[in-house]
Amino acid sequence: MNEMPFEKSQNSDDELQTEYRFDYQKAKPNRFAARSGTQQLTVVVLDEDVAQVFTTPESVNKDVKGVN
């Protein structure tokens, strides 16, 4: 095992370039991605005792920012 596994190739096409420039005008949409285009909404339902403490979204965010 005298050879290095990743020795330089004699073919310069195999070498990595320092920078790549992509032509995004030729790009195609991902056919496997969801195409709904609508934003999903996540709803969180709080227990009654928690909802009594956090009555507004602002109060939740205010208290969460202080916790770290």
C-alpha atoms as a PDB file:
ATOM      1  CA  MET A   1       0.000   0.000   0.000  1.00  0.00           C
ATOM      2  CA  ASN A   2       2.559   2.519  -1.146  1.00  0.00           C
ATOM      3  CA  GLU A   3       0.177   4.674  -3.192  1.00  0.00           C
ATOM      4  CA  MET A   4      -1.884   7.474  -1.749  1.00  0.00           C
ATOM      5  CA  PRO A   5      -5.602   6.875  -2.298  1.00  0.00           C
ATOM      6  CA  PHE A   6      -6.170  10.339  -3.789  1.00  0.00           C
ATOM      7  CA  GLU A   7      -3.116  10.967  -5.905  1.00  0.00           C
ATOM      8  CA  LYS A   8      -3.295  13.725  -8.487  1.00  0.00           C
ATOM      9  CA  SER A   9      -4.920  12.583 -11.672  1.00  0.00           C
ATOM     10  CA  GLN A  10      -3.146  13.155 -14.963  1.00  0.00           C
ATOM     11  CA  ASN A  11      -6.471  14.341 -16.397  1.00  0.00           C
ATOM     12  CA  SER A  12      -6.955  18.007 -15.408  1.00  0.00           C
ATOM     13  CA  ASP A  13     -10.761  17.690 -15.841  1.00  0.00           C
ATOM     14  CA  ASP A  14     -10.926  15.711 -12.579  1.00  0.00           C
ATOM     15  CA  GLU A  15      -9.419  18.481 -10.462  1.00  0.00           C
ATOM     16  CA  LEU A  16     -11.550  20.870  -8.439  1.00  0.00           C
ATOM     17  CA  GLN A  17     -11.656  24.436  -9.602  1.00  0.00           C
ATOM     18  CA  THR A  18     -11.163  27.292  -7.167  1.00  0.00           C
ATOM     19  CA  GLU A  19     -14.460  28.853  -8.241  1.00  0.00           C
ATOM     20  CA  TYR A  20     -17.482  27.716 -10.205  1.00  0.00           C
ATOM     21  CA  ARG A  21     -19.881  29.981 -12.087  1.00  0.00           C
ATOM     22  CA  PHE A  22     -23.371  28.601 -12.633  1.00  0.00           C
ATOM     23  CA  ASP A  23     -25.819  29.844 -15.248  1.00  0.00           C
ATOM     24  CA  TYR A  24     -29.036  29.972 -13.235  1.00  0.00           C
ATOM     25  CA  GLN A  25     -31.047  30.882 -16.343  1.00  0.00           C
ATOM     26  CA  LYS A  26     -30.601  27.263 -17.451  1.00  0.00           C
ATOM     27  CA  ALA A  27     -31.726  25.887 -14.081  1.00  0.00           C
ATOM     28  CA  LYS A  28     -34.846  23.726 -13.907  1.00  0.00           C
ATOM     29  CA  PRO A  29     -37.275  23.487 -10.988  1.00  0.00           C
ATOM     30  CA  ASN A  30     -36.911  20.507  -8.684  1.00  0.00           C
ATOM     31  CA  ARG A  31     -39.560  18.066  -9.835  1.00  0.00           C
ATOM     32  CA  PHE A  32     -39.509  16.286  -6.480  1.00  0.00           C
ATOM     33  CA  ALA A  33     -40.229  19.402  -4.395  1.00  0.00           C
ATOM     34  CA  ALA A  34     -43.735  20.253  -3.272  1.00  0.00           C
ATOM     35  CA  ARG A  35     -45.412  22.644  -5.669  1.00  0.00           C
ATOM     36  CA  SER A  36     -48.297  23.835  -3.580  1.00  0.00           C
ATOM     37  CA  GLY A  37     -46.854  27.343  -3.218  1.00  0.00           C
ATOM     38  CA  THR A  38     -48.969  27.882  -0.132  1.00  0.00           C
ATOM     39  CA  GLN A  39     -47.507  28.478   3.267  1.00  0.00           C
ATOM     40  CA  GLN A  40     -48.275  25.856   5.895  1.00  0.00           C
ATOM     41  CA  LEU A  41     -49.812  27.082   9.105  1.00  0.00           C
ATOM     42  CA  THR A  42     -48.929  25.476  12.418  1.00  0.00           C
ATOM     43  CA  VAL A  43     -51.407  25.891  15.241  1.00  0.00           C
ATOM     44  CA  VAL A  44     -50.442  25.271  18.869  1.00  0.00           C
ATOM     45  CA  VAL A  45     -53.225  24.780  21.375  1.00  0.00           C
ATOM     46  CA  LEU A  46     -52.206  25.596  24.936  1.00  0.00           C
ATOM     47  CA  ASP A  47     -53.546  23.930  28.026  1.00  0.00           C
ATOM     48  CA  GLU A  48     -55.985  26.114  29.914  1.00  0.00           C
ATOM     49  CA  ASP A  49     -53.611  26.853  32.818  1.00  0.00           C
ATOM     50  CA  VAL A  50     -50.813  27.879  30.428  1.00  0.00           C
ATOM     51  CA  ALA A  51     -53.202  30.015  28.358  1.00  0.00           C
ATOM     52  CA  GLN A  52     -54.152  31.933  31.512  1.00  0.00           C
ATOM     53  CA  VAL A  53     -50.514  32.964  32.018  1.00  0.00           C
ATOM     54  CA  PHE A  54     -49.719  33.724  28.371  1.00  0.00           C
ATOM     55  CA  THR A  55     -52.709  35.690  27.156  1.00  0.00           C
ATOM     56  CA  THR A  56     -51.103  37.276  24.064  1.00  0.00           C
ATOM     57  CA  PRO A  57     -48.379  36.252  21.599  1.00  0.00           C
ATOM     58  CA  GLU A  58     -46.359  39.244  22.770  1.00  0.00           C
ATOM     59  CA  SER A  59     -46.352  37.987  26.359  1.00  0.00           C
ATOM     60  CA  VAL A  60     -45.050  34.590  25.232  1.00  0.00           C
ATOM     61  CA  ASN A  61     -42.265  36.135  23.183  1.00  0.00           C
ATOM     62  CA  LYS A  62     -41.321  38.570  25.967  1.00  0.00           C
ATOM     63  CA  ASP A  63     -40.919  35.783  28.524  1.00  0.00           C
ATOM     64  CA  VAL A  64     -39.118  33.403  26.142  1.00  0.00           C
ATOM     65  CA  LYS A  65     -36.456  35.978  25.242  1.00  0.00           C
ATOM     66  CA  GLY A  66     -35.384  36.265  28.865  1.00  0.00           C
ATOM     67  CA  VAL A  67     -34.817  32.497  29.203  1.00  0.00           C
ATOM     68  CA  ASN A  68     -31.362  31.230  28.182  1.00  0.00           C
END
